[in-house]
């Protein structure tokens, strides 16, 4: 019986580790931050290559440059937030409570 119990404990620990990895992988902050950084780089480059005609249309304000910088800052904020406060997967007790409530 002891070997069976140890085997089950090991399986539970392995599943908890996989759950933690999945929770970090599909963290919405990673997706949002990554997209804002990528699009921020693209828009910032467009701002650096803006022509005089483009600037004249926007009353001499380089909208693409400022918007791109803002997007970069927001994207980096989301990624730093994700690093500082990682997502913790639910514990086995919380999962058990949730399944009991749903039944």
C-alpha atoms as a PDB file:
ATOM      1  CA  UNK A   1       0.000   0.000   0.000  1.00  0.00           C
ATOM      2  CA  UNK A   2       2.833   2.377   0.777  1.00  0.00           C
ATOM      3  CA  UNK A   3       4.259   2.076  -2.754  1.00  0.00           C
ATOM      4  CA  UNK A   4       0.852   2.794  -4.261  1.00  0.00           C
ATOM      5  CA  UNK A   5       0.420   5.819  -2.034  1.00  0.00           C
ATOM      6  CA  UNK A   6       3.882   7.154  -2.916  1.00  0.00           C
ATOM      7  CA  UNK A   7       3.126   6.658  -6.601  1.00  0.00           C
ATOM      8  CA  UNK A   8      -0.099   8.662  -6.281  1.00  0.00           C
ATOM      9  CA  UNK A   9       1.677  11.419  -4.382  1.00  0.00           C
ATOM     10  CA  UNK A  10       4.315  11.630  -7.123  1.00  0.00           C
ATOM     11  CA  UNK A  11       1.613  11.777  -9.816  1.00  0.00           C
ATOM     12  CA  UNK A  12      -0.150  14.603  -7.973  1.00  0.00           C
ATOM     13  CA  UNK A  13       3.105  16.554  -7.652  1.00  0.00           C
ATOM     14  CA  UNK A  14       3.824  16.065 -11.351  1.00  0.00           C
ATOM     15  CA  UNK A  15       0.344  17.289 -12.310  1.00  0.00           C
ATOM     16  CA  UNK A  16       0.703  20.317 -10.041  1.00  0.00           C
ATOM     17  CA  UNK A  17       3.994  21.204 -11.734  1.00  0.00           C
ATOM     18  CA  UNK A  18       2.376  20.903 -15.179  1.00  0.00           C
ATOM     19  CA  UNK A  19      -0.529  23.046 -14.004  1.00  0.00           C
ATOM     20  CA  UNK A  20       1.848  25.761 -12.791  1.00  0.00           C
ATOM     21  CA  UNK A  21       3.651  25.741 -16.129  1.00  0.00           C
ATOM     22  CA  UNK A  22       0.370  25.986 -18.033  1.00  0.00           C
ATOM     23  CA  UNK A  23      -0.822  28.845 -15.810  1.00  0.00           C
ATOM     24  CA  UNK A  24       2.347  30.828 -16.513  1.00  0.00           C
ATOM     25  CA  UNK A  25       2.288  29.993 -20.221  1.00  0.00           C
ATOM     26  CA  UNK A  26      -1.248  31.248 -20.797  1.00  0.00           C
ATOM     27  CA  UNK A  27      -1.019  34.308 -18.585  1.00  0.00           C
ATOM     28  CA  UNK A  28      -2.961  37.076 -20.333  1.00  0.00           C
ATOM     29  CA  UNK A  29      -0.396  39.654 -19.233  1.00  0.00           C
ATOM     30  CA  UNK A  30       2.234  37.890 -21.352  1.00  0.00           C
ATOM     31  CA  UNK A  31       0.048  38.027 -24.460  1.00  0.00           C
ATOM     32  CA  UNK A  32      -1.032  41.641 -23.957  1.00  0.00           C
ATOM     33  CA  UNK A  33       2.478  42.796 -23.047  1.00  0.00           C
ATOM     34  CA  UNK A  34       4.052  40.981 -25.971  1.00  0.00           C
ATOM     35  CA  UNK A  35       1.593  42.401 -28.475  1.00  0.00           C
ATOM     36  CA  UNK A  36       1.993  45.946 -27.173  1.00  0.00           C
ATOM     37  CA  UNK A  37       5.788  45.669 -27.352  1.00  0.00           C
ATOM     38  CA  UNK A  38       5.727  44.311 -30.926  1.00  0.00           C
ATOM     39  CA  UNK A  39       3.236  46.887 -32.184  1.00  0.00           C
ATOM     40  CA  UNK A  40       4.988  49.620 -30.192  1.00  0.00           C
ATOM     41  CA  UNK A  41       8.248  48.877 -31.986  1.00  0.00           C
ATOM     42  CA  UNK A  42       6.499  48.987 -35.370  1.00  0.00           C
ATOM     43  CA  UNK A  43       4.690  52.260 -34.650  1.00  0.00           C
ATOM     44  CA  UNK A  44       7.841  53.839 -33.161  1.00  0.00           C
ATOM     45  CA  UNK A  45       9.794  52.981 -36.304  1.00  0.00           C
ATOM     46  CA  UNK A  46       6.997  54.538 -38.356  1.00  0.00           C
ATOM     47  CA  UNK A  47       7.345  57.628 -36.168  1.00  0.00           C
ATOM     48  CA  UNK A  48      11.082  57.883 -36.833  1.00  0.00           C
ATOM     49  CA  UNK A  49      10.486  57.650 -40.577  1.00  0.00           C
ATOM     50  CA  UNK A  50       7.645  60.180 -40.680  1.00  0.00           C
ATOM     51  CA  UNK A  51       7.835  62.697 -43.493  1.00  0.00           C
ATOM     52  CA  UNK A  52       7.305  66.419 -43.210  1.00  0.00           C
ATOM     53  CA  UNK A  53       3.916  66.018 -44.881  1.00  0.00           C
ATOM     54  CA  UNK A  54       2.870  63.508 -42.215  1.00  0.00           C
ATOM     55  CA  UNK A  55       3.945  65.877 -39.457  1.00  0.00           C
ATOM     56  CA  UNK A  56       2.110  68.789 -41.085  1.00  0.00           C
ATOM     57  CA  UNK A  57      -1.122  66.738 -41.127  1.00  0.00           C
ATOM     58  CA  UNK A  58      -0.800  66.243 -37.364  1.00  0.00           C
ATOM     59  CA  UNK A  59       0.026  69.879 -36.553  1.00  0.00           C
ATOM     60  CA  UNK A  60       3.750  69.113 -36.219  1.00  0.00           C
ATOM     61  CA  UNK A  61       3.217  66.427 -33.584  1.00  0.00           C
ATOM     62  CA  UNK A  62       4.799  63.080 -34.346  1.00  0.00           C
ATOM     63  CA  UNK A  63       1.776  60.984 -33.352  1.00  0.00           C
ATOM     64  CA  UNK A  64       3.310  57.686 -34.431  1.00  0.00           C
ATOM     65  CA  UNK A  65       6.424  58.264 -32.343  1.00  0.00           C
ATOM     66  CA  UNK A  66       4.538  59.216 -29.181  1.00  0.00           C
ATOM     67  CA  UNK A  67       1.956  56.463 -29.595  1.00  0.00           C
ATOM     68  CA  UNK A  68       4.694  53.895 -30.213  1.00  0.00           C
ATOM     69  CA  UNK A  69       6.595  54.971 -27.103  1.00  0.00           C
ATOM     70  CA  UNK A  70       3.379  54.770 -25.081  1.00  0.00           C
ATOM     71  CA  UNK A  71       2.679  51.276 -26.398  1.00  0.00           C
ATOM     72  CA  UNK A  72       6.227  50.191 -25.555  1.00  0.00           C
ATOM     73  CA  UNK A  73       5.897  51.509 -22.010  1.00  0.00           C
ATOM     74  CA  UNK A  74       2.549  49.750 -21.534  1.00  0.00           C
ATOM     75  CA  UNK A  75       3.872  46.476 -22.967  1.00  0.00           C
ATOM     76  CA  UNK A  76       6.951  46.544 -20.752  1.00  0.00           C
ATOM     77  CA  UNK A  77       4.713  47.339 -17.759  1.00  0.00           C
ATOM     78  CA  UNK A  78       2.635  44.197 -18.381  1.00  0.00           C
ATOM     79  CA  UNK A  79       5.728  42.017 -18.792  1.00  0.00           C
ATOM     80  CA  UNK A  80       7.381  43.394 -15.632  1.00  0.00           C
ATOM     81  CA  UNK A  81       4.127  42.943 -13.736  1.00  0.00           C
ATOM     82  CA  UNK A  82       4.007  39.325 -14.863  1.00  0.00           C
ATOM     83  CA  UNK A  83       7.600  38.755 -13.670  1.00  0.00           C
ATOM     84  CA  UNK A  84       7.076  40.430 -10.293  1.00  0.00           C
ATOM     85  CA  UNK A  85       3.705  38.798  -9.546  1.00  0.00           C
ATOM     86  CA  UNK A  86       3.596  35.393 -11.282  1.00  0.00           C
ATOM     87  CA  UNK A  87       0.335  33.499 -11.549  1.00  0.00           C
ATOM     88  CA  UNK A  88      -0.096  30.785  -8.973  1.00  0.00           C
ATOM     89  CA  UNK A  89      -2.160  27.765  -9.982  1.00  0.00           C
ATOM     90  CA  UNK A  90      -4.979  26.679  -7.696  1.00  0.00           C
ATOM     91  CA  UNK A  91      -4.101  24.200  -4.977  1.00  0.00           C
ATOM     92  CA  UNK A  92      -5.563  20.703  -4.840  1.00  0.00           C
ATOM     93  CA  UNK A  93      -7.878  21.789  -2.010  1.00  0.00           C
ATOM     94  CA  UNK A  94      -9.211  24.717  -4.044  1.00  0.00           C
ATOM     95  CA  UNK A  95      -9.828  22.459  -7.022  1.00  0.00           C
ATOM     96  CA  UNK A  96     -11.628  19.936  -4.815  1.00  0.00           C
ATOM     97  CA  UNK A  97     -13.832  22.689  -3.350  1.00  0.00           C
ATOM     98  CA  UNK A  98     -14.655  23.994  -6.821  1.00  0.00           C
ATOM     99  CA  UNK A  99     -15.689  20.557  -8.079  1.00  0.00           C
ATOM    100  CA  UNK A 100     -17.805  19.967  -4.964  1.00  0.00           C
ATOM    101  CA  UNK A 101     -19.623  23.277  -5.460  1.00  0.00           C
ATOM    102  CA  UNK A 102     -20.305  22.575  -9.137  1.00  0.00           C
ATOM    103  CA  UNK A 103     -21.906  19.208  -8.423  1.00  0.00           C
END
